[in-house]
Amino acid sequence: MSAWAAPLRLALSLGLSPEAFWRLSLKEWRALTETPPAPALTRADLSALIARYPDEETSP
């Protein structure tokens, strides 16, 4: 099986024709297939995490 088989199947599942797939730049391909980054924490989310997992107090 060709090394291009899996990427081509993915492109077809995205609705790209084989011709459009081969015209894509690497940057375009990555933009189509990369996992979007997780959203940044809000202040409220950070405060909730701090409350849930407080720093352990250490005694001198």
C-alpha atoms as a PDB file:
ATOM      1  CA  MET A   1       0.000   0.000   0.000  1.00  0.00           C
ATOM      2  CA  SER A   2       1.272   3.454  -0.862  1.00  0.00           C
ATOM      3  CA  ALA A   3       2.365   5.869   1.852  1.00  0.00           C
ATOM      4  CA  TRP A   4      -0.109   8.326   0.305  1.00  0.00           C
ATOM      5  CA  ALA A   5      -3.148   6.046   0.673  1.00  0.00           C
ATOM      6  CA  ALA A   6      -4.166   7.163   4.182  1.00  0.00           C
ATOM      7  CA  PRO A   7      -3.757  10.912   3.522  1.00  0.00           C
ATOM      8  CA  LEU A   8      -5.661  10.582   0.243  1.00  0.00           C
ATOM      9  CA  ARG A   9      -8.510   8.701   1.973  1.00  0.00           C
ATOM     10  CA  LEU A  10      -8.652  11.450   4.602  1.00  0.00           C
ATOM     11  CA  ALA A  11      -8.743  14.115   1.891  1.00  0.00           C
ATOM     12  CA  LEU A  12     -11.595  12.313   0.154  1.00  0.00           C
ATOM     13  CA  SER A  13     -13.498  12.086   3.444  1.00  0.00           C
ATOM     14  CA  LEU A  14     -13.075  15.874   3.734  1.00  0.00           C
ATOM     15  CA  GLY A  15     -14.665  16.234   0.306  1.00  0.00           C
ATOM     16  CA  LEU A  16     -11.491  17.016  -1.649  1.00  0.00           C
ATOM     17  CA  SER A  17     -11.043  15.577  -5.100  1.00  0.00           C
ATOM     18  CA  PRO A  18      -7.744  13.786  -5.797  1.00  0.00           C
ATOM     19  CA  GLU A  19      -6.756  16.717  -8.029  1.00  0.00           C
ATOM     20  CA  ALA A  20      -7.408  19.221  -5.218  1.00  0.00           C
ATOM     21  CA  PHE A  21      -5.459  17.011  -2.805  1.00  0.00           C
ATOM     22  CA  TRP A  22      -2.365  17.049  -5.007  1.00  0.00           C
ATOM     23  CA  ARG A  23      -2.592  20.839  -5.448  1.00  0.00           C
ATOM     24  CA  LEU A  24      -2.550  21.462  -1.684  1.00  0.00           C
ATOM     25  CA  SER A  25       0.598  22.873  -0.156  1.00  0.00           C
ATOM     26  CA  LEU A  26       1.907  21.225   2.996  1.00  0.00           C
ATOM     27  CA  LYS A  27       0.780  24.278   4.971  1.00  0.00           C
ATOM     28  CA  GLU A  28      -2.770  23.953   3.574  1.00  0.00           C
ATOM     29  CA  TRP A  29      -2.845  20.211   4.316  1.00  0.00           C
ATOM     30  CA  ARG A  30      -1.759  20.796   7.905  1.00  0.00           C
ATOM     31  CA  ALA A  31      -4.385  23.517   8.338  1.00  0.00           C
ATOM     32  CA  LEU A  32      -7.066  21.072   7.166  1.00  0.00           C
ATOM     33  CA  THR A  33      -5.968  18.120   9.266  1.00  0.00           C
ATOM     34  CA  GLU A  34      -4.397  19.403  12.470  1.00  0.00           C
ATOM     35  CA  THR A  35      -6.226  19.173  15.754  1.00  0.00           C
ATOM     36  CA  PRO A  36      -7.326  22.611  16.888  1.00  0.00           C
ATOM     37  CA  PRO A  37      -5.585  23.817  20.040  1.00  0.00           C
ATOM     38  CA  ALA A  38      -7.434  23.690  23.318  1.00  0.00           C
ATOM     39  CA  PRO A  39      -9.023  26.985  24.311  1.00  0.00           C
ATOM     40  CA  ALA A  40      -7.120  29.093  26.814  1.00  0.00           C
ATOM     41  CA  LEU A  41      -8.178  28.984  30.443  1.00  0.00           C
ATOM     42  CA  THR A  42     -10.368  31.823  31.603  1.00  0.00           C
ATOM     43  CA  ARG A  43      -9.754  33.504  34.944  1.00  0.00           C
ATOM     44  CA  ALA A  44     -12.782  31.684  36.337  1.00  0.00           C
ATOM     45  CA  ASP A  45     -11.410  28.318  35.151  1.00  0.00           C
ATOM     46  CA  LEU A  46      -8.004  29.082  36.656  1.00  0.00           C
ATOM     47  CA  SER A  47      -9.570  30.159  39.954  1.00  0.00           C
ATOM     48  CA  ALA A  48     -11.610  26.945  40.049  1.00  0.00           C
ATOM     49  CA  LEU A  49      -8.458  24.862  39.478  1.00  0.00           C
ATOM     50  CA  ILE A  50      -6.572  26.762  42.178  1.00  0.00           C
ATOM     51  CA  ALA A  51      -9.444  26.188  44.619  1.00  0.00           C
ATOM     52  CA  ARG A  52      -9.664  22.505  43.731  1.00  0.00           C
ATOM     53  CA  TYR A  53      -5.921  21.842  43.846  1.00  0.00           C
ATOM     54  CA  PRO A  54      -4.395  24.257  46.375  1.00  0.00           C
ATOM     55  CA  ASP A  55      -0.663  24.327  46.951  1.00  0.00           C
ATOM     56  CA  GLU A  56       0.338  22.132  49.832  1.00  0.00           C
ATOM     57  CA  GLU A  57       1.495  24.045  52.833  1.00  0.00           C
ATOM     58  CA  THR A  58       4.974  23.149  53.899  1.00  0.00           C
ATOM     59  CA  SER A  59       6.179  23.585  57.427  1.00  0.00           C
ATOM     60  CA  PRO A  60       9.722  24.871  57.980  1.00  0.00           C
END
